[in-house]
Amino acid sequence: EAAKLDDGENSWASAKAGFAAKRITDTESVHFVMSLSTLHWMQQLPWGTDQAQLGGAISCVTLQPSPMAKLRALADEELQGFFSSRMAELRTGGQVVATL
């Protein structure tokens, strides 16, 4: 639910929680989107909870080529989902600001 910020202006604010690679609000319903952390957050890892597939790696930079390729493919898919979902939710002339 949006909260009115100023009695004299048409300024409203709302926060939505949810998996960011999917739609979280109505089509063409927002003017401005700000994302400070969801771009690097993945809903799940491509290997699930099976850590044996990681070969002892503790960082994505030390992953073997196969798990790294799977991770990059899923990250690309989720990033595409994030931006396509936000574009559908934006009104004409709306803007997205995204930082990591």
N, C-alpha and C. Protein backbone atom coordinates (compact mmCIF):
# COMPACT_ATOMS: atom_id res chain seq x y z
N GLU A 1 0.85 -1.17 0.00
CA GLU A 1 0.00 0.00 0.00
C GLU A 1 0.90 1.24 0.00
N ALA A 2 0.62 2.18 -0.87
CA ALA A 2 1.41 3.40 -0.99
C ALA A 2 1.03 4.39 0.11
N ALA A 3 2.00 5.17 0.53
CA ALA A 3 1.78 6.20 1.54
C ALA A 3 2.00 7.56 0.90
N LYS A 4 1.10 8.51 1.16
CA LYS A 4 1.23 9.87 0.62
C LYS A 4 2.35 10.58 1.37
N LEU A 5 3.28 11.17 0.63
CA LEU A 5 4.44 11.81 1.24
C LEU A 5 4.22 13.27 1.58
N ASP A 6 3.37 13.96 0.82
CA ASP A 6 3.22 15.40 0.99
C ASP A 6 1.77 15.76 0.70
N ASP A 7 1.12 16.46 1.62
CA ASP A 7 -0.28 16.83 1.43
C ASP A 7 -0.50 17.73 0.22
N GLY A 8 0.49 18.54 -0.14
CA GLY A 8 0.31 19.49 -1.23
C GLY A 8 0.72 18.95 -2.59
N GLU A 9 1.38 17.82 -2.65
CA GLU A 9 1.89 17.29 -3.91
C GLU A 9 1.32 15.89 -4.16
N ASN A 10 1.44 15.46 -5.36
CA ASN A 10 1.02 14.11 -5.71
C ASN A 10 2.23 13.19 -5.60
N SER A 11 2.75 13.02 -4.39
CA SER A 11 3.94 12.21 -4.14
C SER A 11 3.58 11.03 -3.25
N TRP A 12 3.84 9.85 -3.74
CA TRP A 12 3.52 8.63 -3.02
C TRP A 12 4.75 7.73 -2.99
N ALA A 13 4.86 6.91 -1.98
CA ALA A 13 5.96 5.96 -1.88
C ALA A 13 5.43 4.60 -1.45
N SER A 14 6.07 3.58 -1.96
CA SER A 14 5.69 2.22 -1.60
C SER A 14 6.92 1.34 -1.74
N ALA A 15 7.01 0.32 -0.94
CA ALA A 15 8.09 -0.66 -1.05
C ALA A 15 7.46 -2.03 -1.28
N LYS A 16 8.07 -2.79 -2.13
CA LYS A 16 7.58 -4.13 -2.44
C LYS A 16 8.70 -5.12 -2.19
N ALA A 17 8.36 -6.20 -1.55
CA ALA A 17 9.31 -7.29 -1.36
C ALA A 17 8.89 -8.43 -2.27
N GLY A 18 9.83 -9.12 -2.77
CA GLY A 18 9.52 -10.26 -3.62
C GLY A 18 10.71 -10.60 -4.49
N PHE A 19 10.63 -11.73 -5.14
CA PHE A 19 11.68 -12.16 -6.05
C PHE A 19 11.72 -11.18 -7.21
N ALA A 20 12.81 -10.48 -7.38
CA ALA A 20 12.88 -9.35 -8.30
C ALA A 20 12.89 -9.72 -9.77
N ALA A 21 13.11 -10.97 -10.11
CA ALA A 21 13.14 -11.36 -11.51
C ALA A 21 11.73 -11.68 -12.03
N LYS A 22 10.74 -11.46 -11.19
CA LYS A 22 9.35 -11.66 -11.59
C LYS A 22 8.57 -10.38 -11.32
N ARG A 23 7.43 -10.24 -11.94
CA ARG A 23 6.58 -9.07 -11.73
C ARG A 23 6.15 -9.00 -10.28
N ILE A 24 6.17 -7.78 -9.71
CA ILE A 24 5.74 -7.61 -8.32
C ILE A 24 4.66 -6.55 -8.16
N THR A 25 4.26 -5.91 -9.27
CA THR A 25 3.19 -4.93 -9.21
C THR A 25 2.48 -4.87 -10.56
N ASP A 26 1.47 -4.04 -10.65
CA ASP A 26 0.65 -3.97 -11.86
C ASP A 26 1.40 -3.36 -13.04
N THR A 27 0.94 -3.69 -14.24
CA THR A 27 1.49 -3.12 -15.48
C THR A 27 1.32 -1.61 -15.49
N GLU A 28 2.37 -0.91 -15.91
CA GLU A 28 2.38 0.54 -16.03
C GLU A 28 1.84 1.25 -14.79
N SER A 29 2.32 0.81 -13.61
CA SER A 29 1.79 1.37 -12.36
C SER A 29 2.81 2.21 -11.58
N VAL A 30 4.06 2.26 -12.02
CA VAL A 30 5.06 3.02 -11.27
C VAL A 30 5.81 4.00 -12.17
N HIS A 31 6.28 5.09 -11.57
CA HIS A 31 7.04 6.11 -12.29
C HIS A 31 8.54 5.95 -12.08
N PHE A 32 8.92 5.39 -10.95
CA PHE A 32 10.34 5.33 -10.59
C PHE A 32 10.61 4.05 -9.80
N VAL A 33 11.66 3.34 -10.18
CA VAL A 33 12.07 2.12 -9.49
C VAL A 33 13.50 2.32 -9.03
N MET A 34 13.77 2.02 -7.77
CA MET A 34 15.14 2.05 -7.26
C MET A 34 15.45 0.69 -6.65
N SER A 35 16.50 0.07 -7.12
CA SER A 35 16.93 -1.22 -6.60
C SER A 35 18.36 -1.09 -6.11
N LEU A 36 18.56 -1.35 -4.83
CA LEU A 36 19.89 -1.19 -4.24
C LEU A 36 20.63 -2.51 -4.06
N SER A 37 19.91 -3.62 -4.05
CA SER A 37 20.63 -4.87 -3.77
C SER A 37 20.11 -6.08 -4.50
N THR A 38 18.94 -6.05 -5.09
CA THR A 38 18.37 -7.27 -5.62
C THR A 38 19.03 -7.77 -6.90
N LEU A 39 19.83 -6.97 -7.55
CA LEU A 39 20.43 -7.41 -8.81
C LEU A 39 21.40 -8.56 -8.61
N HIS A 40 22.02 -8.68 -7.47
CA HIS A 40 22.97 -9.77 -7.27
C HIS A 40 22.37 -10.91 -6.43
N TRP A 41 21.12 -10.82 -6.09
CA TRP A 41 20.48 -11.83 -5.26
C TRP A 41 19.78 -12.84 -6.15
N MET A 42 20.17 -14.10 -6.05
CA MET A 42 19.54 -15.15 -6.85
C MET A 42 18.62 -15.97 -5.97
N GLN A 43 17.47 -16.35 -6.52
CA GLN A 43 16.50 -17.10 -5.75
C GLN A 43 17.04 -18.48 -5.38
N GLN A 44 17.79 -19.08 -6.27
CA GLN A 44 18.39 -20.38 -5.97
C GLN A 44 19.66 -20.52 -6.80
N LEU A 45 20.52 -21.44 -6.39
CA LEU A 45 21.73 -21.70 -7.16
C LEU A 45 21.45 -22.81 -8.17
N PRO A 46 22.15 -22.82 -9.30
CA PRO A 46 21.85 -23.81 -10.33
C PRO A 46 22.07 -25.25 -9.87
N TRP A 47 22.87 -25.47 -8.84
CA TRP A 47 23.13 -26.82 -8.35
C TRP A 47 22.33 -27.11 -7.07
N GLY A 48 21.40 -26.24 -6.75
CA GLY A 48 20.57 -26.46 -5.57
C GLY A 48 21.39 -26.42 -4.30
N THR A 49 21.18 -27.37 -3.44
CA THR A 49 21.92 -27.42 -2.17
C THR A 49 23.08 -28.41 -2.22
N ASP A 50 23.35 -29.00 -3.37
CA ASP A 50 24.42 -29.99 -3.51
C ASP A 50 25.77 -29.30 -3.64
N GLN A 51 26.39 -29.01 -2.52
CA GLN A 51 27.67 -28.30 -2.51
C GLN A 51 28.82 -29.13 -3.06
N ALA A 52 28.63 -30.45 -3.19
CA ALA A 52 29.67 -31.32 -3.72
C ALA A 52 30.03 -30.94 -5.16
N GLN A 53 29.08 -30.36 -5.88
CA GLN A 53 29.33 -29.95 -7.26
C GLN A 53 30.30 -28.77 -7.37
N LEU A 54 30.61 -28.15 -6.26
CA LEU A 54 31.47 -26.97 -6.28
C LEU A 54 32.96 -27.29 -6.18
N GLY A 55 33.30 -28.53 -5.91
CA GLY A 55 34.70 -28.92 -5.83
C GLY A 55 35.48 -28.17 -4.78
N GLY A 56 34.85 -27.81 -3.67
CA GLY A 56 35.52 -27.12 -2.58
C GLY A 56 35.63 -25.61 -2.76
N ALA A 57 35.14 -25.07 -3.84
CA ALA A 57 35.21 -23.63 -4.08
C ALA A 57 34.36 -22.88 -3.06
N ILE A 58 34.86 -21.75 -2.59
CA ILE A 58 34.11 -20.95 -1.62
C ILE A 58 33.74 -19.57 -2.19
N SER A 59 34.10 -19.33 -3.43
CA SER A 59 33.82 -18.06 -4.08
C SER A 59 33.53 -18.33 -5.55
N CYS A 60 32.73 -17.49 -6.17
CA CYS A 60 32.43 -17.71 -7.60
C CYS A 60 33.69 -17.57 -8.45
N VAL A 61 34.68 -16.81 -8.00
CA VAL A 61 35.90 -16.65 -8.80
C VAL A 61 36.77 -17.90 -8.80
N THR A 62 36.53 -18.82 -7.86
CA THR A 62 37.32 -20.05 -7.82
C THR A 62 36.53 -21.26 -8.32
N LEU A 63 35.34 -21.04 -8.87
CA LEU A 63 34.55 -22.14 -9.40
C LEU A 63 35.21 -22.75 -10.63
N GLN A 64 35.01 -24.03 -10.81
CA GLN A 64 35.45 -24.72 -12.02
C GLN A 64 34.58 -24.23 -13.20
N PRO A 65 35.03 -24.44 -14.43
CA PRO A 65 34.30 -23.92 -15.60
C PRO A 65 32.83 -24.36 -15.69
N SER A 66 32.52 -25.59 -15.40
CA SER A 66 31.13 -26.05 -15.54
C SER A 66 30.17 -25.37 -14.57
N PRO A 67 30.47 -25.38 -13.25
CA PRO A 67 29.56 -24.66 -12.35
C PRO A 67 29.54 -23.15 -12.60
N MET A 68 30.67 -22.58 -13.04
CA MET A 68 30.71 -21.15 -13.34
C MET A 68 29.79 -20.83 -14.52
N ALA A 69 29.79 -21.68 -15.54
CA ALA A 69 28.93 -21.47 -16.71
C ALA A 69 27.46 -21.56 -16.30
N LYS A 70 27.12 -22.52 -15.44
CA LYS A 70 25.75 -22.66 -14.97
C LYS A 70 25.32 -21.43 -14.16
N LEU A 71 26.22 -20.95 -13.30
CA LEU A 71 25.93 -19.78 -12.48
C LEU A 71 25.73 -18.54 -13.35
N ARG A 72 26.59 -18.35 -14.32
CA ARG A 72 26.47 -17.18 -15.21
C ARG A 72 25.19 -17.24 -16.03
N ALA A 73 24.83 -18.42 -16.52
CA ALA A 73 23.60 -18.56 -17.32
C ALA A 73 22.37 -18.23 -16.48
N LEU A 74 22.33 -18.71 -15.23
CA LEU A 74 21.19 -18.41 -14.37
C LEU A 74 21.17 -16.93 -13.98
N ALA A 75 22.34 -16.37 -13.70
CA ALA A 75 22.42 -14.95 -13.35
C ALA A 75 21.94 -14.09 -14.52
N ASP A 76 22.33 -14.45 -15.75
CA ASP A 76 21.88 -13.71 -16.93
C ASP A 76 20.36 -13.80 -17.07
N GLU A 77 19.81 -14.98 -16.85
CA GLU A 77 18.37 -15.18 -16.96
C GLU A 77 17.61 -14.34 -15.93
N GLU A 78 18.12 -14.33 -14.70
CA GLU A 78 17.45 -13.56 -13.65
C GLU A 78 17.60 -12.05 -13.85
N LEU A 79 18.74 -11.61 -14.35
CA LEU A 79 18.93 -10.18 -14.63
C LEU A 79 17.99 -9.74 -15.76
N GLN A 80 17.87 -10.58 -16.78
CA GLN A 80 16.93 -10.29 -17.86
C GLN A 80 15.51 -10.22 -17.30
N GLY A 81 15.16 -11.14 -16.41
CA GLY A 81 13.84 -11.14 -15.78
C GLY A 81 13.60 -9.88 -14.96
N PHE A 82 14.63 -9.44 -14.23
CA PHE A 82 14.51 -8.23 -13.43
C PHE A 82 14.15 -7.03 -14.31
N PHE A 83 14.95 -6.81 -15.36
CA PHE A 83 14.73 -5.61 -16.18
C PHE A 83 13.46 -5.71 -17.02
N SER A 84 13.14 -6.87 -17.55
CA SER A 84 11.91 -6.97 -18.34
C SER A 84 10.68 -6.79 -17.46
N SER A 85 10.73 -7.29 -16.22
CA SER A 85 9.62 -7.10 -15.29
C SER A 85 9.46 -5.63 -14.91
N ARG A 86 10.57 -4.95 -14.62
CA ARG A 86 10.48 -3.54 -14.26
C ARG A 86 9.99 -2.71 -15.44
N MET A 87 10.41 -3.03 -16.65
CA MET A 87 9.98 -2.25 -17.81
C MET A 87 8.47 -2.38 -18.00
N ALA A 88 7.93 -3.55 -17.74
CA ALA A 88 6.48 -3.75 -17.87
C ALA A 88 5.72 -2.99 -16.79
N GLU A 89 6.33 -2.81 -15.63
CA GLU A 89 5.67 -2.13 -14.51
C GLU A 89 5.74 -0.60 -14.61
N LEU A 90 6.69 -0.10 -15.39
CA LEU A 90 6.88 1.36 -15.50
C LEU A 90 5.83 2.01 -16.38
N ARG A 91 5.42 3.20 -15.97
CA ARG A 91 4.57 4.03 -16.82
C ARG A 91 5.47 4.65 -17.89
N THR A 92 4.88 5.17 -18.93
CA THR A 92 5.64 5.85 -19.98
C THR A 92 6.44 6.99 -19.35
N GLY A 93 7.72 7.04 -19.66
CA GLY A 93 8.61 8.06 -19.11
C GLY A 93 9.20 7.69 -17.75
N GLY A 94 8.84 6.54 -17.22
CA GLY A 94 9.37 6.10 -15.92
C GLY A 94 10.85 5.75 -16.02
N GLN A 95 11.50 5.69 -14.86
CA GLN A 95 12.93 5.42 -14.83
C GLN A 95 13.27 4.35 -13.80
N VAL A 96 14.35 3.62 -14.09
CA VAL A 96 14.89 2.61 -13.19
C VAL A 96 16.30 3.03 -12.79
N VAL A 97 16.59 3.02 -11.49
CA VAL A 97 17.93 3.23 -10.98
C VAL A 97 18.31 1.94 -10.26
N ALA A 98 19.38 1.30 -10.73
CA ALA A 98 19.79 0.01 -10.16
C ALA A 98 21.26 0.06 -9.81
N THR A 99 21.59 -0.31 -8.58
CA THR A 99 22.98 -0.35 -8.13
C THR A 99 23.25 -1.71 -7.49
N LEU A 100 24.50 -2.06 -7.43
CA LEU A 100 24.90 -3.29 -6.74
C LEU A 100 25.49 -2.98 -5.40
